[in-house]
Amino acid sequence: MLKPTKILVPTDFSEFSDKALNQALDIAIQYKAKVYLLHVVHEQVYSCGGDYCFTPNDLQRMQENIISAAQMNLAKQLEKFPQAKEVEVTTDVMSGLPYEAILKEAEDKGIDLIVISSLGRSGIAKYIIGSVARNVLKGAKCPVLLTK
């Protein structure tokens, strides 16, 4: 029987991610597991747009602002769940392709359960598993709980 000790919850701050986090927290409380809440910044900041180009310092500052905003959003998301105070929760923001970053984080942290929403911000249809969730399911070396 699976008794997770480290649970990874990728989030895009959507209502679907909230449901996955709620499930993960319930499981974490039951098994006294640690929760890792992860947001992956996928948007790339381009150096030129139209007739204007940003300096490397501008690009660095924008990237820092994006990461800072994501960290604040992680804190706000956790505030919605009072049960988060009953378990150890770590938050992190990474950059890159979401499914690759999720799989890397799972491997690096020795995660034994990933709880991910089947749909996210870009959910195209109710009945189709999102591309991020699909790729995580394919590549994960640990069990994945898919929520909707």
C-alpha atoms as a PDB file:
ATOM      1  CA  MET A   1       0.000   0.000   0.000  1.00  0.00           C
ATOM      2  CA  LEU A   2       1.230   3.460  -0.897  1.00  0.00           C
ATOM      3  CA  LYS A   3       2.137   5.594   2.121  1.00  0.00           C
ATOM      4  CA  PRO A   4       3.553   8.786   0.665  1.00  0.00           C
ATOM      5  CA  THR A   5       6.059  10.846   2.599  1.00  0.00           C
ATOM      6  CA  LYS A   6       6.769  13.474  -0.090  1.00  0.00           C
ATOM      7  CA  ILE A   7       3.949  14.804  -2.273  1.00  0.00           C
ATOM      8  CA  LEU A   8       4.532  17.111  -5.227  1.00  0.00           C
ATOM      9  CA  VAL A   9       1.675  19.386  -6.315  1.00  0.00           C
ATOM     10  CA  PRO A  10       2.285  21.365  -9.509  1.00  0.00           C
ATOM     11  CA  THR A  11       0.066  24.449  -9.738  1.00  0.00           C
ATOM     12  CA  ASP A  12      -0.910  26.997 -12.341  1.00  0.00           C
ATOM     13  CA  PHE A  13      -3.115  28.814  -9.787  1.00  0.00           C
ATOM     14  CA  SER A  14      -6.322  27.665 -11.500  1.00  0.00           C
ATOM     15  CA  GLU A  15      -9.370  26.323  -9.667  1.00  0.00           C
ATOM     16  CA  PHE A  16      -8.339  22.873 -10.918  1.00  0.00           C
ATOM     17  CA  SER A  17      -4.960  23.236  -9.213  1.00  0.00           C
ATOM     18  CA  ASP A  18      -6.760  24.244  -6.023  1.00  0.00           C
ATOM     19  CA  LYS A  19      -8.638  20.943  -6.119  1.00  0.00           C
ATOM     20  CA  ALA A  20      -5.389  19.012  -6.575  1.00  0.00           C
ATOM     21  CA  LEU A  21      -3.793  20.890  -3.669  1.00  0.00           C
ATOM     22  CA  ASN A  22      -6.801  20.170  -1.467  1.00  0.00           C
ATOM     23  CA  GLN A  23      -6.510  16.443  -2.256  1.00  0.00           C
ATOM     24  CA  ALA A  24      -2.769  16.474  -1.616  1.00  0.00           C
ATOM     25  CA  LEU A  25      -3.172  18.220   1.731  1.00  0.00           C
ATOM     26  CA  ASP A  26      -5.788  15.669   2.829  1.00  0.00           C
ATOM     27  CA  ILE A  27      -3.414  12.839   1.930  1.00  0.00           C
ATOM     28  CA  ALA A  28      -0.482  14.602   3.594  1.00  0.00           C
ATOM     29  CA  ILE A  29      -2.407  15.040   6.830  1.00  0.00           C
ATOM     30  CA  GLN A  30      -3.417  11.377   6.823  1.00  0.00           C
ATOM     31  CA  TYR A  31       0.142  10.104   6.253  1.00  0.00           C
ATOM     32  CA  LYS A  32       2.073  12.977   7.860  1.00  0.00           C
ATOM     33  CA  ALA A  33       3.731  13.652   4.519  1.00  0.00           C
ATOM     34  CA  LYS A  34       5.555  16.768   3.338  1.00  0.00           C
ATOM     35  CA  VAL A  35       3.968  18.742   0.474  1.00  0.00           C
ATOM     36  CA  TYR A  36       6.010  20.436  -2.233  1.00  0.00           C
ATOM     37  CA  LEU A  37       3.938  23.082  -4.047  1.00  0.00           C
ATOM     38  CA  LEU A  38       5.540  23.965  -7.379  1.00  0.00           C
ATOM     39  CA  HIS A  39       4.803  26.574 -10.025  1.00  0.00           C
ATOM     40  CA  VAL A  40       6.667  26.513 -13.323  1.00  0.00           C
ATOM     41  CA  VAL A  41       7.047  29.784 -15.198  1.00  0.00           C
ATOM     42  CA  HIS A  42       6.697  28.828 -18.826  1.00  0.00           C
ATOM     43  CA  GLU A  43       6.437  32.257 -20.363  1.00  0.00           C
ATOM     44  CA  GLN A  44       9.614  33.444 -21.969  1.00  0.00           C
ATOM     45  CA  VAL A  45      10.451  37.123 -21.909  1.00  0.00           C
ATOM     46  CA  TYR A  46      11.537  38.105 -25.394  1.00  0.00           C
ATOM     47  CA  SER A  47      14.238  40.691 -25.895  1.00  0.00           C
ATOM     48  CA  CYS A  48      12.552  42.546 -28.761  1.00  0.00           C
ATOM     49  CA  GLY A  49       8.991  43.493 -29.561  1.00  0.00           C
ATOM     50  CA  GLY A  50       8.162  45.662 -32.515  1.00  0.00           C
ATOM     51  CA  ASP A  51      10.713  48.431 -32.724  1.00  0.00           C
ATOM     52  CA  TYR A  52      11.816  48.194 -29.096  1.00  0.00           C
ATOM     53  CA  CYS A  53      14.431  45.901 -27.562  1.00  0.00           C
ATOM     54  CA  PHE A  54      15.099  45.356 -23.874  1.00  0.00           C
ATOM     55  CA  THR A  55      18.552  45.427 -22.356  1.00  0.00           C
ATOM     56  CA  PRO A  56      19.828  42.316 -20.553  1.00  0.00           C
ATOM     57  CA  ASN A  57      19.304  44.162 -17.243  1.00  0.00           C
ATOM     58  CA  ASP A  58      15.659  44.861 -18.192  1.00  0.00           C
ATOM     59  CA  LEU A  59      15.124  41.198 -19.062  1.00  0.00           C
ATOM     60  CA  GLN A  60      16.690  40.073 -15.786  1.00  0.00           C
ATOM     61  CA  ARG A  61      14.503  42.469 -13.802  1.00  0.00           C
ATOM     62  CA  MET A  62      11.351  41.284 -15.628  1.00  0.00           C
ATOM     63  CA  GLN A  63      12.195  37.632 -14.969  1.00  0.00           C
ATOM     64  CA  GLU A  64      12.776  38.417 -11.283  1.00  0.00           C
ATOM     65  CA  ASN A  65       9.399  40.191 -11.140  1.00  0.00           C
ATOM     66  CA  ILE A  66       7.647  37.219 -12.727  1.00  0.00           C
ATOM     67  CA  ILE A  67       9.220  34.830 -10.218  1.00  0.00           C
ATOM     68  CA  SER A  68       8.434  37.150  -7.317  1.00  0.00           C
ATOM     69  CA  ALA A  69       4.778  37.411  -8.406  1.00  0.00           C
ATOM     70  CA  ALA A  70       4.577  33.619  -8.692  1.00  0.00           C
ATOM     71  CA  GLN A  71       5.978  33.227  -5.156  1.00  0.00           C
ATOM     72  CA  MET A  72       3.340  35.634  -3.829  1.00  0.00           C
ATOM     73  CA  ASN A  73       0.640  33.698  -5.686  1.00  0.00           C
ATOM     74  CA  LEU A  74       1.850  30.458  -4.088  1.00  0.00           C
ATOM     75  CA  ALA A  75       1.470  32.046  -0.648  1.00  0.00           C
ATOM     76  CA  LYS A  76      -2.020  33.314  -1.543  1.00  0.00           C
ATOM     77  CA  GLN A  77      -3.014  29.885  -2.813  1.00  0.00           C
ATOM     78  CA  LEU A  78      -1.898  28.246   0.428  1.00  0.00           C
ATOM     79  CA  GLU A  79      -3.886  30.783   2.462  1.00  0.00           C
ATOM     80  CA  LYS A  80      -7.086  29.310   0.969  1.00  0.00           C
ATOM     81  CA  PHE A  81      -6.425  26.042   2.800  1.00  0.00           C
ATOM     82  CA  PRO A  82      -6.325  26.180   6.604  1.00  0.00           C
ATOM     83  CA  GLN A  83      -5.306  22.513   6.702  1.00  0.00           C
ATOM     84  CA  ALA A  84      -1.984  23.533   5.125  1.00  0.00           C
ATOM     85  CA  LYS A  85      -0.905  24.579   8.630  1.00  0.00           C
ATOM     86  CA  GLU A  86      -1.176  20.952   9.772  1.00  0.00           C
ATOM     87  CA  VAL A  87       1.620  19.699   7.498  1.00  0.00           C
ATOM     88  CA  GLU A  88       5.007  20.863   6.288  1.00  0.00           C
ATOM     89  CA  VAL A  89       4.650  22.680   2.966  1.00  0.00           C
ATOM     90  CA  THR A  90       7.506  23.925   0.809  1.00  0.00           C
ATOM     91  CA  THR A  91       6.928  26.210  -2.163  1.00  0.00           C
ATOM     92  CA  ASP A  92       9.138  26.675  -5.189  1.00  0.00           C
ATOM     93  CA  VAL A  93       9.106  28.464  -8.540  1.00  0.00           C
ATOM     94  CA  MET A  94      11.049  27.126 -11.501  1.00  0.00           C
ATOM     95  CA  SER A  95      11.433  28.227 -15.117  1.00  0.00           C
ATOM     96  CA  GLY A  96      11.172  25.992 -18.138  1.00  0.00           C
ATOM     97  CA  LEU A  97       8.806  23.581 -19.806  1.00  0.00           C
ATOM     98  CA  PRO A  98       6.244  22.698 -17.137  1.00  0.00           C
ATOM     99  CA  TYR A  99       6.219  18.904 -17.499  1.00  0.00           C
ATOM    100  CA  GLU A 100      10.027  18.701 -17.687  1.00  0.00           C
ATOM    101  CA  ALA A 101      10.448  20.873 -14.590  1.00  0.00           C
ATOM    102  CA  ILE A 102       7.822  18.841 -12.701  1.00  0.00           C
ATOM    103  CA  LEU A 103       9.529  15.543 -13.543  1.00  0.00           C
ATOM    104  CA  LYS A 104      12.951  16.957 -12.637  1.00  0.00           C
ATOM    105  CA  GLU A 105      11.645  18.274  -9.305  1.00  0.00           C
ATOM    106  CA  ALA A 106      10.054  14.894  -8.554  1.00  0.00           C
ATOM    107  CA  GLU A 107      13.326  13.102  -9.203  1.00  0.00           C
ATOM    108  CA  ASP A 108      15.517  15.648  -7.378  1.00  0.00           C
ATOM    109  CA  LYS A 109      13.334  15.645  -4.254  1.00  0.00           C
ATOM    110  CA  GLY A 110      12.647  11.889  -4.155  1.00  0.00           C
ATOM    111  CA  ILE A 111       8.897  12.474  -4.503  1.00  0.00           C
ATOM    112  CA  ASP A 112       6.751   9.380  -3.990  1.00  0.00           C
ATOM    113  CA  LEU A 113       3.398  10.855  -5.143  1.00  0.00           C
ATOM    114  CA  ILE A 114       2.506  13.582  -7.629  1.00  0.00           C
ATOM    115  CA  VAL A 115      -0.970  15.087  -7.338  1.00  0.00           C
ATOM    116  CA  ILE A 116      -1.810  17.030 -10.488  1.00  0.00           C
ATOM    117  CA  SER A 117      -4.949  18.385 -12.074  1.00  0.00           C
ATOM    118  CA  SER A 118      -6.027  16.895 -15.377  1.00  0.00           C
ATOM    119  CA  LEU A 119      -6.919  20.395 -16.571  1.00  0.00           C
ATOM    120  CA  GLY A 120      -5.393  23.744 -15.923  1.00  0.00           C
ATOM    121  CA  ARG A 121      -5.537  27.296 -17.069  1.00  0.00           C
ATOM    122  CA  SER A 122      -5.366  26.188 -20.676  1.00  0.00           C
ATOM    123  CA  GLY A 123      -7.930  23.381 -20.313  1.00  0.00           C
ATOM    124  CA  ILE A 124      -9.250  22.959 -23.847  1.00  0.00           C
ATOM    125  CA  ALA A 125     -12.028  20.505 -23.103  1.00  0.00           C
ATOM    126  CA  LYS A 126     -13.508  18.837 -20.048  1.00  0.00           C
ATOM    127  CA  TYR A 127     -12.789  15.359 -21.326  1.00  0.00           C
ATOM    128  CA  ILE A 128      -9.242  15.745 -22.558  1.00  0.00           C
ATOM    129  CA  ILE A 129      -6.276  15.378 -20.240  1.00  0.00           C
ATOM    130  CA  GLY A 130      -4.057  18.449 -20.484  1.00  0.00           C
ATOM    131  CA  SER A 131      -0.710  18.095 -22.199  1.00  0.00           C
ATOM    132  CA  VAL A 132       1.259  18.838 -19.018  1.00  0.00           C
ATOM    133  CA  ALA A 133      -0.624  16.186 -17.025  1.00  0.00           C
ATOM    134  CA  ARG A 134      -0.329  13.693 -19.891  1.00  0.00           C
ATOM    135  CA  ASN A 135       3.437  14.166 -20.129  1.00  0.00           C
ATOM    136  CA  VAL A 136       3.840  13.927 -16.353  1.00  0.00           C
ATOM    137  CA  LEU A 137       1.842  10.662 -16.377  1.00  0.00           C
ATOM    138  CA  LYS A 138       4.087   9.282 -19.131  1.00  0.00           C
ATOM    139  CA  GLY A 139       7.377  10.312 -17.544  1.00  0.00           C
ATOM    140  CA  ALA A 140       6.829   9.986 -13.798  1.00  0.00           C
ATOM    141  CA  LYS A 141       8.765   7.318 -11.914  1.00  0.00           C
ATOM    142  CA  CYS A 142       6.325   7.492  -8.983  1.00  0.00           C
ATOM    143  CA  PRO A 143       2.537   7.182  -8.726  1.00  0.00           C
ATOM    144  CA  VAL A 144       0.521  10.105 -10.082  1.00  0.00           C
ATOM    145  CA  LEU A 145      -2.909  11.037  -8.748  1.00  0.00           C
ATOM    146  CA  LEU A 146      -4.812  12.814 -11.483  1.00  0.00           C
ATOM    147  CA  THR A 147      -7.616  15.062 -10.205  1.00  0.00           C
ATOM    148  CA  LYS A 148     -10.318  16.967 -12.037  1.00  0.00           C
END
